[in-house]
Amino acid sequence: MSTESIPPRYAVVHNDEEQYSTWPTDLPVPNGWYADGFTGSRQECLEHVGRVWTDLRPKTLRDLAGR
């Protein structure tokens, strides 16, 4: 067995307001948050979030503003 540690894996999660975050895959996703299907290193997940979360306003605010 190797003595090197395995780097942690992360999942991209989002909530009902379409706000995104990263979450360790070895922990259960908190209530109110949902996995979006992307996993990888923390950096890979942050890059994915940067591609998909282009409007940082919460969904309710975007809806009020007519998007």
PDB file of N, CA and C in Angstrom:
ATOM      1  N   MET A   1       0.838  -1.175   0.000  1.00  0.00           N
ATOM      2  CA  MET A   1       0.000   0.000   0.000  1.00  0.00           C
ATOM      3  C   MET A   1       0.886   1.242   0.000  1.00  0.00           C
ATOM      4  N   SER A   2       0.521   2.206  -0.784  1.00  0.00           N
ATOM      5  CA  SER A   2       1.280   3.443  -0.891  1.00  0.00           C
ATOM      6  C   SER A   2       1.075   4.305   0.347  1.00  0.00           C
ATOM      7  N   THR A   3       2.126   5.030   0.734  1.00  0.00           N
ATOM      8  CA  THR A   3       2.013   5.936   1.871  1.00  0.00           C
ATOM      9  C   THR A   3       1.541   7.317   1.438  1.00  0.00           C
ATOM     10  N   GLU A   4       1.432   7.522   0.124  1.00  0.00           N
ATOM     11  CA  GLU A   4       0.948   8.809  -0.373  1.00  0.00           C
ATOM     12  C   GLU A   4      -0.544   8.912  -0.107  1.00  0.00           C
ATOM     13  N   SER A   5      -0.974  10.077   0.316  1.00  0.00           N
ATOM     14  CA  SER A   5      -2.404  10.249   0.568  1.00  0.00           C
ATOM     15  C   SER A   5      -3.128  10.529  -0.749  1.00  0.00           C
ATOM     16  N   ILE A   6      -4.345  10.076  -0.801  1.00  0.00           N
ATOM     17  CA  ILE A   6      -5.188  10.309  -1.976  1.00  0.00           C
ATOM     18  C   ILE A   6      -5.763  11.715  -1.841  1.00  0.00           C
ATOM     19  N   PRO A   7      -5.622  12.545  -2.878  1.00  0.00           N
ATOM     20  CA  PRO A   7      -6.163  13.903  -2.771  1.00  0.00           C
ATOM     21  C   PRO A   7      -7.680  13.866  -2.596  1.00  0.00           C
ATOM     22  N   PRO A   8      -8.213  14.781  -1.804  1.00  0.00           N
ATOM     23  CA  PRO A   8      -9.662  14.792  -1.596  1.00  0.00           C
ATOM     24  C   PRO A   8     -10.415  15.080  -2.890  1.00  0.00           C
ATOM     25  N   ARG A   9     -11.599  14.515  -3.005  1.00  0.00           N
ATOM     26  CA  ARG A   9     -12.471  14.753  -4.156  1.00  0.00           C
ATOM     27  C   ARG A   9     -13.618  15.651  -3.696  1.00  0.00           C
ATOM     28  N   TYR A  10     -14.084  16.461  -4.609  1.00  0.00           N
ATOM     29  CA  TYR A  10     -15.164  17.387  -4.316  1.00  0.00           C
ATOM     30  C   TYR A  10     -16.271  17.219  -5.341  1.00  0.00           C
ATOM     31  N   ALA A  11     -17.465  17.631  -4.947  1.00  0.00           N
ATOM     32  CA  ALA A  11     -18.613  17.671  -5.842  1.00  0.00           C
ATOM     33  C   ALA A  11     -19.081  19.113  -5.921  1.00  0.00           C
ATOM     34  N   VAL A  12     -19.630  19.479  -7.054  1.00  0.00           N
ATOM     35  CA  VAL A  12     -20.266  20.785  -7.180  1.00  0.00           C
ATOM     36  C   VAL A  12     -21.713  20.618  -6.743  1.00  0.00           C
ATOM     37  N   VAL A  13     -22.148  21.508  -5.867  1.00  0.00           N
ATOM     38  CA  VAL A  13     -23.521  21.473  -5.363  1.00  0.00           C
ATOM     39  C   VAL A  13     -24.174  22.831  -5.610  1.00  0.00           C
ATOM     40  N   HIS A  14     -25.501  22.838  -5.635  1.00  0.00           N
ATOM     41  CA  HIS A  14     -26.243  24.091  -5.786  1.00  0.00           C
ATOM     42  C   HIS A  14     -27.488  24.031  -4.925  1.00  0.00           C
ATOM     43  N   ASN A  15     -28.061  25.184  -4.650  1.00  0.00           N
ATOM     44  CA  ASN A  15     -29.280  25.235  -3.850  1.00  0.00           C
ATOM     45  C   ASN A  15     -30.439  25.733  -4.708  1.00  0.00           C
ATOM     46  N   ASP A  16     -31.601  25.918  -4.084  1.00  0.00           N
ATOM     47  CA  ASP A  16     -32.781  26.356  -4.830  1.00  0.00           C
ATOM     48  C   ASP A  16     -32.628  27.754  -5.411  1.00  0.00           C
ATOM     49  N   GLU A  17     -31.719  28.538  -4.858  1.00  0.00           N
ATOM     50  CA  GLU A  17     -31.462  29.890  -5.375  1.00  0.00           C
ATOM     51  C   GLU A  17     -30.438  29.859  -6.504  1.00  0.00           C
ATOM     52  N   GLU A  18     -30.048  28.652  -6.930  1.00  0.00           N
ATOM     53  CA  GLU A  18     -29.071  28.457  -8.002  1.00  0.00           C
ATOM     54  C   GLU A  18     -27.725  29.088  -7.665  1.00  0.00           C
ATOM     55  N   GLN A  19     -27.358  29.008  -6.378  1.00  0.00           N
ATOM     56  CA  GLN A  19     -26.037  29.404  -5.915  1.00  0.00           C
ATOM     57  C   GLN A  19     -25.205  28.131  -5.832  1.00  0.00           C
ATOM     58  N   TYR A  20     -23.951  28.208  -6.177  1.00  0.00           N
ATOM     59  CA  TYR A  20     -23.089  27.033  -6.286  1.00  0.00           C
ATOM     60  C   TYR A  20     -22.001  27.037  -5.222  1.00  0.00           C
ATOM     61  N   SER A  21     -21.537  25.840  -4.918  1.00  0.00           N
ATOM     62  CA  SER A  21     -20.437  25.666  -3.974  1.00  0.00           C
ATOM     63  C   SER A  21     -19.760  24.332  -4.266  1.00  0.00           C
ATOM     64  N   THR A  22     -18.646  24.084  -3.585  1.00  0.00           N
ATOM     65  CA  THR A  22     -17.992  22.786  -3.661  1.00  0.00           C
ATOM     66  C   THR A  22     -18.204  22.091  -2.329  1.00  0.00           C
ATOM     67  N   TRP A  23     -18.235  20.746  -2.369  1.00  0.00           N
ATOM     68  CA  TRP A  23     -18.478  19.989  -1.154  1.00  0.00           C
ATOM     69  C   TRP A  23     -17.668  18.694  -1.209  1.00  0.00           C
ATOM     70  N   PRO A  24     -17.009  18.323  -0.128  1.00  0.00           N
ATOM     71  CA  PRO A  24     -16.241  17.069  -0.133  1.00  0.00           C
ATOM     72  C   PRO A  24     -17.152  15.867  -0.419  1.00  0.00           C
ATOM     73  N   THR A  25     -16.699  14.981  -1.304  1.00  0.00           N
ATOM     74  CA  THR A  25     -17.533  13.839  -1.683  1.00  0.00           C
ATOM     75  C   THR A  25     -17.667  12.815  -0.562  1.00  0.00           C
ATOM     76  N   ASP A  26     -16.795  12.872   0.438  1.00  0.00           N
ATOM     77  CA  ASP A  26     -16.907  11.907   1.532  1.00  0.00           C
ATOM     78  C   ASP A  26     -17.868  12.360   2.629  1.00  0.00           C
ATOM     79  N   LEU A  27     -18.523  13.494   2.439  1.00  0.00           N
ATOM     80  CA  LEU A  27     -19.529  13.982   3.380  1.00  0.00           C
ATOM     81  C   LEU A  27     -20.888  14.036   2.695  1.00  0.00           C
ATOM     82  N   PRO A  28     -21.963  13.808   3.443  1.00  0.00           N
ATOM     83  CA  PRO A  28     -23.284  13.928   2.827  1.00  0.00           C
ATOM     84  C   PRO A  28     -23.568  15.387   2.445  1.00  0.00           C
ATOM     85  N   VAL A  29     -24.253  15.572   1.339  1.00  0.00           N
ATOM     86  CA  VAL A  29     -24.616  16.924   0.896  1.00  0.00           C
ATOM     87  C   VAL A  29     -25.622  17.493   1.899  1.00  0.00           C
ATOM     88  N   PRO A  30     -25.415  18.727   2.365  1.00  0.00           N
ATOM     89  CA  PRO A  30     -26.318  19.308   3.363  1.00  0.00           C
ATOM     90  C   PRO A  30     -27.739  19.464   2.818  1.00  0.00           C
ATOM     91  N   ASN A  31     -28.692  19.465   3.727  1.00  0.00           N
ATOM     92  CA  ASN A  31     -30.083  19.702   3.340  1.00  0.00           C
ATOM     93  C   ASN A  31     -30.196  21.027   2.593  1.00  0.00           C
ATOM     94  N   GLY A  32     -30.988  21.032   1.549  1.00  0.00           N
ATOM     95  CA  GLY A  32     -31.188  22.244   0.758  1.00  0.00           C
ATOM     96  C   GLY A  32     -30.184  22.416  -0.369  1.00  0.00           C
ATOM     97  N   TRP A  33     -29.220  21.521  -0.453  1.00  0.00           N
ATOM     98  CA  TRP A  33     -28.214  21.559  -1.502  1.00  0.00           C
ATOM     99  C   TRP A  33     -28.306  20.283  -2.322  1.00  0.00           C
ATOM    100  N   TYR A  34     -27.964  20.358  -3.607  1.00  0.00           N
ATOM    101  CA  TYR A  34     -28.110  19.233  -4.527  1.00  0.00           C
ATOM    102  C   TYR A  34     -26.861  19.117  -5.382  1.00  0.00           C
ATOM    103  N   ALA A  35     -26.394  17.890  -5.573  1.00  0.00           N
ATOM    104  CA  ALA A  35     -25.235  17.668  -6.438  1.00  0.00           C
ATOM    105  C   ALA A  35     -25.607  17.977  -7.876  1.00  0.00           C
ATOM    106  N   ASP A  36     -24.733  18.655  -8.608  1.00  0.00           N
ATOM    107  CA  ASP A  36     -25.037  18.952 -10.013  1.00  0.00           C
ATOM    108  C   ASP A  36     -24.417  17.922 -10.955  1.00  0.00           C
ATOM    109  N   GLY A  37     -23.696  16.936 -10.401  1.00  0.00           N
ATOM    110  CA  GLY A  37     -23.156  15.857 -11.215  1.00  0.00           C
ATOM    111  C   GLY A  37     -21.683  15.991 -11.540  1.00  0.00           C
ATOM    112  N   PHE A  38     -21.066  17.110 -11.211  1.00  0.00           N
ATOM    113  CA  PHE A  38     -19.644  17.307 -11.503  1.00  0.00           C
ATOM    114  C   PHE A  38     -18.834  17.008 -10.257  1.00  0.00           C
ATOM    115  N   THR A  39     -17.794  16.196 -10.393  1.00  0.00           N
ATOM    116  CA  THR A  39     -16.860  15.934  -9.304  1.00  0.00           C
ATOM    117  C   THR A  39     -15.439  16.051  -9.830  1.00  0.00           C
ATOM    118  N   GLY A  40     -14.516  16.325  -8.937  1.00  0.00           N
ATOM    119  CA  GLY A  40     -13.109  16.431  -9.304  1.00  0.00           C
ATOM    120  C   GLY A  40     -12.321  17.010  -8.154  1.00  0.00           C
ATOM    121  N   SER A  41     -11.148  17.509  -8.461  1.00  0.00           N
ATOM    122  CA  SER A  41     -10.353  18.198  -7.438  1.00  0.00           C
ATOM    123  C   SER A  41     -11.079  19.499  -7.095  1.00  0.00           C
ATOM    124  N   ARG A  42     -10.672  20.110  -6.004  1.00  0.00           N
ATOM    125  CA  ARG A  42     -11.329  21.372  -5.627  1.00  0.00           C
ATOM    126  C   ARG A  42     -11.148  22.410  -6.738  1.00  0.00           C
ATOM    127  N   GLN A  43      -9.955  22.475  -7.311  1.00  0.00           N
ATOM    128  CA  GLN A  43      -9.693  23.433  -8.380  1.00  0.00           C
ATOM    129  C   GLN A  43     -10.564  23.159  -9.603  1.00  0.00           C
ATOM    130  N   GLU A  44     -10.693  21.887  -9.991  1.00  0.00           N
ATOM    131  CA  GLU A  44     -11.544  21.533 -11.132  1.00  0.00           C
ATOM    132  C   GLU A  44     -12.998  21.925 -10.860  1.00  0.00           C
ATOM    133  N   CYS A  45     -13.442  21.696  -9.629  1.00  0.00           N
ATOM    134  CA  CYS A  45     -14.814  22.067  -9.274  1.00  0.00           C
ATOM    135  C   CYS A  45     -15.008  23.581  -9.309  1.00  0.00           C
ATOM    136  N   LEU A  46     -14.031  24.320  -8.805  1.00  0.00           N
ATOM    137  CA  LEU A  46     -14.127  25.786  -8.841  1.00  0.00           C
ATOM    138  C   LEU A  46     -14.153  26.297 -10.275  1.00  0.00           C
ATOM    139  N   GLU A  47     -13.390  25.679 -11.147  1.00  0.00           N
ATOM    140  CA  GLU A  47     -13.409  26.075 -12.560  1.00  0.00           C
ATOM    141  C   GLU A  47     -14.772  25.774 -13.180  1.00  0.00           C
ATOM    142  N   HIS A  48     -15.364  24.637 -12.836  1.00  0.00           N
ATOM    143  CA  HIS A  48     -16.706  24.299 -13.332  1.00  0.00           C
ATOM    144  C   HIS A  48     -17.728  25.322 -12.828  1.00  0.00           C
ATOM    145  N   VAL A  49     -17.650  25.662 -11.548  1.00  0.00           N
ATOM    146  CA  VAL A  49     -18.563  26.664 -10.991  1.00  0.00           C
ATOM    147  C   VAL A  49     -18.414  27.975 -11.752  1.00  0.00           C
ATOM    148  N   GLY A  50     -17.194  28.360 -12.054  1.00  0.00           N
ATOM    149  CA  GLY A  50     -16.953  29.592 -12.805  1.00  0.00           C
ATOM    150  C   GLY A  50     -17.580  29.579 -14.189  1.00  0.00           C
ATOM    151  N   ARG A  51     -17.712  28.397 -14.781  1.00  0.00           N
ATOM    152  CA  ARG A  51     -18.334  28.285 -16.107  1.00  0.00           C
ATOM    153  C   ARG A  51     -19.860  28.300 -16.034  1.00  0.00           C
ATOM    154  N   VAL A  52     -20.428  27.691 -14.991  1.00  0.00           N
ATOM    155  CA  VAL A  52     -21.886  27.546 -14.958  1.00  0.00           C
ATOM    156  C   VAL A  52     -22.602  28.615 -14.140  1.00  0.00           C
ATOM    157  N   TRP A  53     -21.926  29.239 -13.206  1.00  0.00           N
ATOM    158  CA  TRP A  53     -22.566  30.244 -12.348  1.00  0.00           C
ATOM    159  C   TRP A  53     -22.147  31.623 -12.834  1.00  0.00           C
ATOM    160  N   THR A  54     -22.820  32.078 -13.867  1.00  0.00           N
ATOM    161  CA  THR A  54     -22.411  33.330 -14.516  1.00  0.00           C
ATOM    162  C   THR A  54     -23.136  34.554 -13.971  1.00  0.00           C
ATOM    163  N   ASP A  55     -24.260  34.356 -13.316  1.00  0.00           N
ATOM    164  CA  ASP A  55     -24.995  35.466 -12.709  1.00  0.00           C
ATOM    165  C   ASP A  55     -25.085  35.167 -11.217  1.00  0.00           C
ATOM    166  N   LEU A  56     -24.361  35.916 -10.419  1.00  0.00           N
ATOM    167  CA  LEU A  56     -24.250  35.614  -9.001  1.00  0.00           C
ATOM    168  C   LEU A  56     -25.468  36.019  -8.175  1.00  0.00           C
ATOM    169  N   ARG A  57     -26.428  36.694  -8.799  1.00  0.00           N
ATOM    170  CA  ARG A  57     -27.628  37.065  -8.049  1.00  0.00           C
ATOM    171  C   ARG A  57     -28.454  35.815  -7.735  1.00  0.00           C
ATOM    172  N   PRO A  58     -29.067  35.758  -6.539  1.00  0.00           N
ATOM    173  CA  PRO A  58     -29.947  34.635  -6.238  1.00  0.00           C
ATOM    174  C   PRO A  58     -31.095  34.563  -7.244  1.00  0.00           C
ATOM    175  N   LYS A  59     -31.629  33.367  -7.460  1.00  0.00           N
ATOM    176  CA  LYS A  59     -32.684  33.148  -8.443  1.00  0.00           C
ATOM    177  C   LYS A  59     -33.891  34.051  -8.189  1.00  0.00           C
ATOM    178  N   THR A  60     -34.305  34.203  -6.934  1.00  0.00           N
ATOM    179  CA  THR A  60     -35.472  35.034  -6.664  1.00  0.00           C
ATOM    180  C   THR A  60     -35.245  36.484  -7.090  1.00  0.00           C
ATOM    181  N   LEU A  61     -34.054  36.990  -6.919  1.00  0.00           N
ATOM    182  CA  LEU A  61     -33.743  38.357  -7.348  1.00  0.00           C
ATOM    183  C   LEU A  61     -33.739  38.444  -8.874  1.00  0.00           C
ATOM    184  N   ARG A  62     -33.141  37.450  -9.548  1.00  0.00           N
ATOM    185  CA  ARG A  62     -33.152  37.455 -11.010  1.00  0.00           C
ATOM    186  C   ARG A  62     -34.571  37.387 -11.545  1.00  0.00           C
ATOM    187  N   ASP A  63     -35.403  36.562 -10.919  1.00  0.00           N
ATOM    188  CA  ASP A  63     -36.796  36.441 -11.357  1.00  0.00           C
ATOM    189  C   ASP A  63     -37.539  37.764 -11.180  1.00  0.00           C
ATOM    190  N   LEU A  64     -37.311  38.460 -10.075  1.00  0.00           N
ATOM    191  CA  LEU A  64     -37.956  39.755  -9.847  1.00  0.00           C
ATOM    192  C   LEU A  64     -37.510  40.795 -10.878  1.00  0.00           C
ATOM    193  N   ALA A  65     -36.263  40.701 -11.287  1.00  0.00           N
ATOM    194  CA  ALA A  65     -35.704  41.663 -12.250  1.00  0.00           C
ATOM    195  C   ALA A  65     -36.022  41.269 -13.694  1.00  0.00           C
ATOM    196  N   GLY A  66     -36.702  40.141 -13.885  1.00  0.00           N
ATOM    197  CA  GLY A  66     -37.024  39.699 -15.246  1.00  0.00           C
ATOM    198  C   GLY A  66     -35.847  39.077 -15.964  1.00  0.00           C
ATOM    199  N   ARG A  67     -34.854  38.673 -15.170  1.00  0.00           N
ATOM    200  CA  ARG A  67     -33.619  38.061 -15.696  1.00  0.00           C
ATOM    201  C   ARG A  67     -32.967  39.051 -16.594  1.00  0.00           C
TER     202      ARG A  67
END
